[in-house]
Protein backbone atom coordinates (compact mmCIF):
# COMPACT_ATOMS: atom_id res chain seq x y z
CA MET A 1 -43.29 -38.20 33.70
CA ILE A 2 -41.39 -34.97 32.95
CA SER A 3 -42.72 -32.05 34.90
CA PRO A 4 -44.12 -29.03 33.06
CA ASP A 5 -41.57 -26.83 34.83
CA LEU A 6 -38.69 -28.91 33.44
CA LEU A 7 -40.16 -28.82 29.93
CA ALA A 8 -40.53 -25.06 30.18
CA LEU A 9 -36.88 -24.78 31.28
CA VAL A 10 -35.71 -26.93 28.33
CA ASP A 11 -37.75 -24.81 25.90
CA GLU A 12 -36.30 -21.63 27.39
CA GLN A 13 -32.73 -22.91 27.05
CA ALA A 14 -33.36 -24.09 23.49
CA ALA A 15 -34.70 -20.68 22.56
CA ALA A 16 -31.55 -19.08 23.95
CA LEU A 17 -29.24 -21.16 21.72
CA PRO A 18 -27.64 -19.10 18.95
CA THR A 19 -29.06 -19.53 15.48
CA PHE A 20 -26.78 -19.71 12.47
CA THR A 21 -26.93 -19.84 8.72
CA PRO A 22 -25.00 -22.78 7.24
CA LEU A 23 -22.06 -21.61 5.13
CA ALA A 24 -20.50 -23.45 2.22
CA ALA A 25 -17.10 -23.16 0.59
CA MET A 26 -16.70 -23.71 -3.15
CA ASP A 27 -14.28 -25.84 -5.07
CA LEU A 28 -11.74 -23.82 -7.04
CA ARG A 29 -13.43 -24.67 -10.34
CA GLU A 30 -16.89 -23.82 -9.04
CA LEU A 31 -15.66 -20.49 -7.68
CA ALA A 32 -14.01 -19.65 -10.99
CA LEU A 33 -17.34 -20.12 -12.79
CA HIS A 34 -19.58 -18.53 -10.14
CA GLN A 35 -21.49 -15.43 -11.29
CA PHE A 36 -20.85 -12.72 -8.69
CA LYS A 37 -22.43 -9.27 -8.93
CA HIS A 38 -20.58 -7.36 -11.61
CA ARG A 39 -18.84 -4.20 -10.39
CA GLU A 40 -20.03 -1.26 -12.42
CA PRO A 41 -18.21 2.10 -12.58
CA LEU A 42 -20.21 4.91 -10.97
CA LEU A 43 -17.65 7.73 -11.15
CA LEU A 44 -14.47 6.98 -13.06
CA PRO A 45 -11.81 6.26 -12.07
CA TRP A 46 -12.30 5.82 -8.33
CA LEU A 47 -15.90 4.90 -7.41
CA ASN A 48 -17.53 1.62 -8.42
CA SER A 49 -20.57 -0.33 -7.33
CA GLN A 50 -19.92 -2.16 -4.04
CA ASP A 51 -17.11 0.26 -3.13
CA LEU A 52 -16.95 1.53 0.44
CA ALA A 53 -15.44 5.02 0.51
CA MET A 54 -14.87 7.88 2.94
CA ILE A 55 -14.24 11.61 2.60
CA PHE A 56 -12.92 13.31 5.73
CA ALA A 57 -12.03 16.93 6.43
CA GLY A 58 -12.04 19.56 9.12
CA ARG A 59 -15.11 21.70 9.65
CA GLY A 60 -15.85 24.25 6.97
CA ILE A 61 -13.37 22.98 4.39
CA GLY A 62 -15.98 21.86 1.88
CA LYS A 63 -16.72 18.14 2.30
CA THR A 64 -20.51 18.52 1.94
CA HIS A 65 -20.11 20.66 -1.20
CA LEU A 66 -17.79 17.98 -2.58
CA ALA A 67 -20.22 15.18 -1.67
CA MET A 68 -23.07 17.01 -3.41
CA GLY A 69 -20.99 17.57 -6.54
CA ILE A 70 -20.14 13.87 -6.63
CA SER A 71 -23.78 12.87 -6.06
CA MET A 72 -25.01 15.13 -8.87
CA ALA A 73 -22.47 13.66 -11.29
CA VAL A 74 -23.41 10.07 -10.43
CA ALA A 75 -27.15 10.76 -10.60
CA THR A 76 -26.93 12.50 -13.99
CA GLY A 77 -24.18 10.48 -15.66
CA GLY A 78 -22.21 13.73 -15.76
CA THR A 79 -18.77 14.99 -14.79
CA PHE A 80 -17.23 16.51 -11.70
CA ALA A 81 -13.64 17.71 -11.25
CA LYS A 82 -11.51 15.23 -13.27
CA TRP A 83 -14.06 12.43 -12.90
CA SER A 84 -16.91 11.23 -15.08
CA ALA A 85 -19.92 8.98 -14.60
CA PRO A 86 -20.51 6.67 -17.59
CA ARG A 87 -24.27 6.53 -16.97
CA PRO A 88 -26.88 7.87 -14.53
CA ALA A 89 -27.20 5.82 -11.31
CA LYS A 90 -29.66 6.23 -8.46
CA VAL A 91 -28.32 7.97 -5.34
CA LEU A 92 -29.75 8.20 -1.83
CA TYR A 93 -28.23 11.18 0.02
CA LEU A 94 -28.68 11.12 3.81
CA ASP A 95 -27.93 14.50 5.37
CA GLY A 96 -27.87 14.52 9.15
CA GLU A 97 -27.15 18.15 10.02
CA LEU A 98 -28.28 20.80 7.55
CA PRO A 99 -31.60 22.60 8.00
CA GLY A 100 -33.93 21.85 5.11
CA ALA A 101 -33.77 25.41 3.76
CA VAL A 102 -29.94 25.34 3.70
CA LEU A 103 -30.00 21.98 1.95
CA GLN A 104 -32.28 23.47 -0.71
CA THR A 105 -29.83 26.33 -1.27
CA ARG A 106 -26.86 23.97 -1.54
CA LEU A 107 -28.70 21.78 -4.03
CA ALA A 108 -29.61 24.79 -6.17
CA MET A 109 -25.92 25.75 -6.23
CA HIS A 110 -24.76 22.36 -7.45
CA LEU A 111 -27.59 21.56 -9.84
CA PRO A 112 -26.01 20.86 -13.25
CA ASP A 113 -27.33 22.06 -16.58
CA VAL A 114 -28.80 18.58 -17.13
CA GLU A 115 -30.85 17.83 -14.02
CA PRO A 116 -31.16 14.32 -12.56
CA ALA A 117 -34.12 12.35 -13.88
CA PRO A 118 -36.98 12.00 -11.36
CA GLY A 119 -36.02 9.60 -8.58
CA PHE A 120 -32.31 9.45 -9.45
CA LEU A 121 -31.24 11.72 -6.57
CA ARG A 122 -33.33 11.26 -3.43
CA LEU A 123 -32.41 13.20 -0.30
CA PHE A 124 -33.22 13.15 3.38
CA THR A 125 -32.82 15.95 5.91
CA PRO A 126 -33.72 15.85 9.63
CA ASP A 127 -36.30 18.56 8.94
CA LEU A 128 -38.39 15.87 7.21
CA LEU A 129 -38.77 13.95 10.48
CA PRO A 130 -42.19 14.01 12.19
CA GLU A 131 -42.23 16.18 15.32
CA GLY A 132 -40.72 14.36 18.28
CA VAL A 133 -39.12 11.59 16.18
CA PRO A 134 -35.32 11.45 16.58
CA LEU A 135 -32.87 10.96 13.74
CA PRO A 136 -32.22 7.21 13.24
CA ASP A 137 -28.99 5.99 14.83
CA LEU A 138 -27.04 3.85 12.36
CA SER A 139 -25.08 2.33 15.24
CA THR A 140 -28.25 0.40 16.10
CA LEU A 141 -30.23 -2.28 14.26
CA ASP A 142 -33.40 -0.20 14.50
CA GLY A 143 -31.69 2.73 12.81
CA GLN A 144 -30.26 0.50 10.09
CA TYR A 145 -33.65 -1.11 9.40
CA THR A 146 -35.21 2.36 9.14
CA ILE A 147 -32.70 3.46 6.50
CA ASN A 148 -32.84 0.12 4.69
CA ALA A 149 -36.56 0.72 4.19
CA MET A 150 -35.75 4.01 2.41
CA MET A 151 -33.55 2.31 -0.19
CA GLU A 152 -35.15 1.38 -3.48
CA ASP A 153 -34.11 -1.90 -5.07
CA ASP A 154 -32.19 -0.10 -7.82
CA THR A 155 -30.37 2.38 -5.55
CA GLU A 156 -26.64 2.18 -6.36
CA LEU A 157 -24.98 4.78 -4.11
CA VAL A 158 -25.76 5.77 -0.52
CA VAL A 159 -24.10 8.94 0.82
CA ILE A 160 -24.04 9.34 4.62
CA ASP A 161 -23.31 12.94 5.61
CA ASN A 162 -21.95 12.72 8.23
CA LEU A 163 -20.92 9.83 10.48
CA SER A 164 -21.03 11.83 13.72
CA ALA A 165 -24.65 12.82 13.12
CA TRP A 166 -25.84 9.39 12.01
CA CYS A 167 -23.84 7.12 14.35
CA ARG A 168 -24.33 8.23 17.94
CA THR A 169 -24.02 5.09 20.08
CA GLY A 170 -20.62 4.30 21.57
CA ARG A 171 -17.41 6.29 21.40
CA GLU A 172 -15.78 7.39 18.16
CA ASN A 173 -12.30 6.37 19.27
CA GLU A 174 -13.28 2.83 20.23
CA ALA A 175 -13.00 0.15 17.56
CA GLU A 176 -15.92 -1.82 19.05
CA SER A 177 -18.28 1.11 18.41
CA TRP A 178 -17.46 0.83 14.71
CA HIS A 179 -18.40 -2.87 14.42
CA PRO A 180 -22.20 -2.41 14.01
CA ILE A 181 -21.74 0.19 11.26
CA ALA A 182 -19.07 -1.92 9.54
CA THR A 183 -21.39 -4.94 9.57
CA TRP A 184 -24.19 -2.87 8.06
CA ILE A 185 -22.20 -1.31 5.21
CA LEU A 186 -20.75 -4.72 4.35
CA GLN A 187 -24.33 -5.97 4.03
CA LEU A 188 -25.03 -3.08 1.66
CA ARG A 189 -21.96 -4.04 -0.36
CA ARG A 190 -23.26 -7.60 -0.72
CA ARG A 191 -26.50 -6.13 -2.07
CA GLY A 192 -24.44 -4.35 -4.74
CA LEU A 193 -24.54 -0.83 -3.28
CA ALA A 194 -21.66 1.59 -2.97
CA VAL A 195 -21.44 3.64 0.24
CA LEU A 196 -19.76 7.05 0.63
CA LEU A 197 -19.19 8.12 4.23
CA ILE A 198 -18.59 11.79 5.06
CA HIS A 199 -16.62 12.30 8.26
CA HIS A 200 -14.83 14.93 10.33
CA ALA A 201 -11.06 15.18 10.71
CA GLY A 202 -9.47 15.33 14.14
CA LYS A 203 -6.99 17.90 15.43
CA GLY A 204 -4.10 16.06 13.78
CA GLY A 205 -5.76 16.24 10.38
CA GLN A 206 -6.60 12.53 10.13
CA GLN A 207 -10.12 11.10 10.20
CA ARG A 208 -11.56 11.46 13.69
CA GLY A 209 -11.84 8.41 15.90
CA THR A 210 -10.66 4.84 15.48
CA SER A 211 -8.41 4.04 12.51
CA LYS A 212 -10.21 0.68 12.36
CA ARG A 213 -12.72 2.35 10.01
CA GLU A 214 -10.23 2.50 7.20
CA ASP A 215 -9.44 -1.23 7.22
CA LEU A 216 -12.42 -2.30 5.13
CA LEU A 217 -12.73 0.83 2.97
CA ASP A 218 -11.70 0.76 -0.68
CA VAL A 219 -11.13 4.51 -1.00
CA VAL A 220 -10.31 7.16 1.60
CA ILE A 221 -10.08 10.82 0.57
CA GLY A 222 -8.70 13.53 2.84
CA LEU A 223 -9.33 17.25 2.34
CA SER A 224 -7.03 19.95 3.69
CA ARG A 225 -6.18 23.61 3.11
CA PRO A 226 -3.27 24.53 0.81
CA LYS A 227 -0.09 25.43 2.69
CA ASP A 228 -0.38 29.11 1.76
CA TYR A 229 -4.16 29.30 2.22
CA ASP A 230 -5.68 32.73 2.81
CA PRO A 231 -9.25 32.80 4.21
CA LYS A 232 -10.06 35.43 1.58
CA GLN A 233 -9.79 32.63 -1.00
CA GLY A 234 -12.93 30.95 0.34
CA ALA A 235 -13.50 27.24 -0.32
CA VAL A 236 -10.14 26.05 -1.65
CA PHE A 237 -8.84 22.65 -0.63
CA VAL A 238 -6.40 19.90 -1.51
CA LEU A 239 -7.92 16.48 -2.18
CA GLU A 240 -5.64 13.54 -1.47
CA PHE A 241 -6.33 9.83 -1.91
CA THR A 242 -4.93 8.51 1.37
CA LYS A 243 -6.11 5.01 0.42
CA ALA A 244 -7.14 3.78 -3.02
CA ARG A 245 -7.01 0.07 -3.71
CA ASN A 246 -7.56 0.28 -7.45
CA LEU A 247 -5.90 3.58 -8.37
CA ALA A 248 -2.40 4.16 -9.71
CA GLY A 249 -0.45 6.74 -11.65
CA ASP A 250 -2.23 9.92 -12.74
CA ASP A 251 -5.57 8.64 -11.44
CA ALA A 252 -4.22 8.78 -7.87
CA GLN A 253 -2.80 12.31 -8.13
CA SER A 254 -3.75 14.83 -5.47
CA LEU A 255 -6.00 17.61 -6.72
CA GLU A 256 -6.63 21.20 -5.73
CA LEU A 257 -10.26 22.28 -5.98
CA GLU A 258 -11.69 25.77 -5.66
CA LEU A 259 -15.40 26.45 -5.22
CA GLY A 260 -16.50 29.74 -6.70
CA GLY A 261 -19.73 31.20 -8.02
CA ASP A 262 -22.60 32.11 -5.72
CA GLU A 263 -25.70 30.63 -4.10
CA THR A 264 -27.38 30.29 -7.48
CA ARG A 265 -24.55 28.50 -9.28
CA ALA A 266 -21.41 26.74 -8.04
CA VAL A 267 -18.34 27.03 -10.26
CA TRP A 268 -15.55 24.55 -9.59
CA LYS A 269 -11.94 24.92 -10.67
CA CYS A 270 -9.76 21.83 -10.58
CA SER A 271 -6.05 21.27 -11.13
CA THR A 272 -3.45 18.80 -9.99
CA VAL A 273 -1.50 19.84 -6.90
CA GLU A 274 1.65 19.60 -9.01
CA ALA A 275 0.31 22.15 -11.51
CA SER A 276 -1.06 24.40 -8.76
CA THR A 277 2.26 24.34 -6.90
CA PHE A 278 4.10 25.22 -10.11
CA ASP A 279 1.86 28.27 -10.57
CA ARG A 280 2.49 29.40 -6.98
CA VAL A 281 6.26 29.02 -7.30
CA VAL A 282 6.28 31.07 -10.51
CA THR A 283 4.10 33.79 -8.96
CA LEU A 284 6.34 34.13 -5.90
CA ALA A 285 9.52 34.07 -7.98
CA ASN A 286 8.16 36.84 -10.18
CA GLU A 287 7.37 38.82 -7.03
CA GLY A 288 11.08 38.70 -6.21
CA LEU A 289 11.26 35.95 -3.55
CA SER A 290 14.34 33.76 -3.43
CA GLN A 291 14.27 29.96 -3.68
CA ALA A 292 14.70 29.67 0.08
CA GLU A 293 11.90 32.16 0.73
CA ILE A 294 9.58 30.30 -1.67
CA ALA A 295 10.37 26.99 0.01
CA THR A 296 9.49 28.47 3.40
CA GLU A 297 6.34 30.18 2.15
CA LEU A 298 4.94 27.05 0.47
CA ASP A 299 6.39 24.51 2.92
CA LEU A 300 8.33 22.79 0.12
CA ASN A 301 11.81 21.41 0.02
CA LYS A 302 14.32 23.46 -1.97
CA SER A 303 14.83 20.74 -4.58
CA SER A 304 11.11 20.87 -5.48
CA VAL A 305 11.27 24.66 -5.80
CA SER A 306 14.36 24.39 -7.97
CA ARG A 307 12.67 21.82 -10.23
CA HIS A 308 9.63 24.04 -10.75
CA LEU A 309 11.82 27.05 -11.49
CA ARG A 310 13.85 25.14 -14.08
CA ASN A 311 10.62 24.15 -15.82
CA ALA A 312 9.36 27.73 -15.59
CA LYS A 313 12.56 29.08 -17.09
CA GLY A 314 12.30 26.61 -19.95
CA LEU A 315 8.72 27.72 -20.60
CA GLY A 316 9.75 31.38 -20.52
CA VAL A 317 7.25 32.37 -17.81
CA LEU A 318 9.78 33.86 -15.36
CA HIS A 319 10.39 37.60 -15.37
CA SER A 320 13.98 38.61 -16.08
CA THR A 321 14.15 40.15 -12.60
CA ALA A 322 13.16 36.92 -10.78
CA ARG A 323 15.94 36.35 -8.25
CA ALA A 324 14.98 32.70 -7.72
CA ALA A 325 15.61 31.87 -11.34
CA SER A 326 19.28 32.65 -11.24
């Protein structure tokens, strides 16, 4: 006769055994015919359904303004910068830092002429939390379940602004601290969602913390100030695709964006960095700077300056007194 204590011990050990879901591989022919979720473009040419993307920048450069512009375009089927959304898609925007009143002001700035249809852009701010309830921590299962419950079945893009506010367990520079978040966003990908992470840059200008984050991402965008940036210019930044699995040629060009307007209406100007650099070279040459002085001012090599000046001379946009054109 087996004693009750022994039976209890066996039951306890059995309960402690890991559970698993059986996996199955497919034959080549079966895999070729299998109907996977179809990847749909959300913002051409760089953001598609199931994409995992990141925008990183130093404080105050403009990453939240950029994220809002992108979200508005996706939610309305509109355009932003050089990009266009072929149709409206539902967006869940998770802000972790801004006071509710500031978020309202930012949204008013970026609201396009054609507003999102009801329910196509849903937002969360910590000011919506009940008193005494902390912001969910996406480094934990509880936090992930809380956010999962906010997602509607037809949500297509989740924007997390920003990682430091939403992921607070562990250390940023440790790869192991990234594993729970990576597991979660991969689960969202399998559900067909795209995820856009907003993150801070470190002192060296790269995304802050472990580089392990970038391994599974499809697109990584870095924002930085132009070389000759003057604070009087306000929100001007260079946008560079530091990783883009499906981009090539002109689609992968770096852009320079300038945010103008006021609190009632944002006005964006967009140009390629190549075109913006050309304009700067011409301006400095017409002010009388030499090729060497222009190269130093813009942190360019002399051959690049010379190329721009040759093009400028051919277009007839250099003053006759421009020393650098000789």
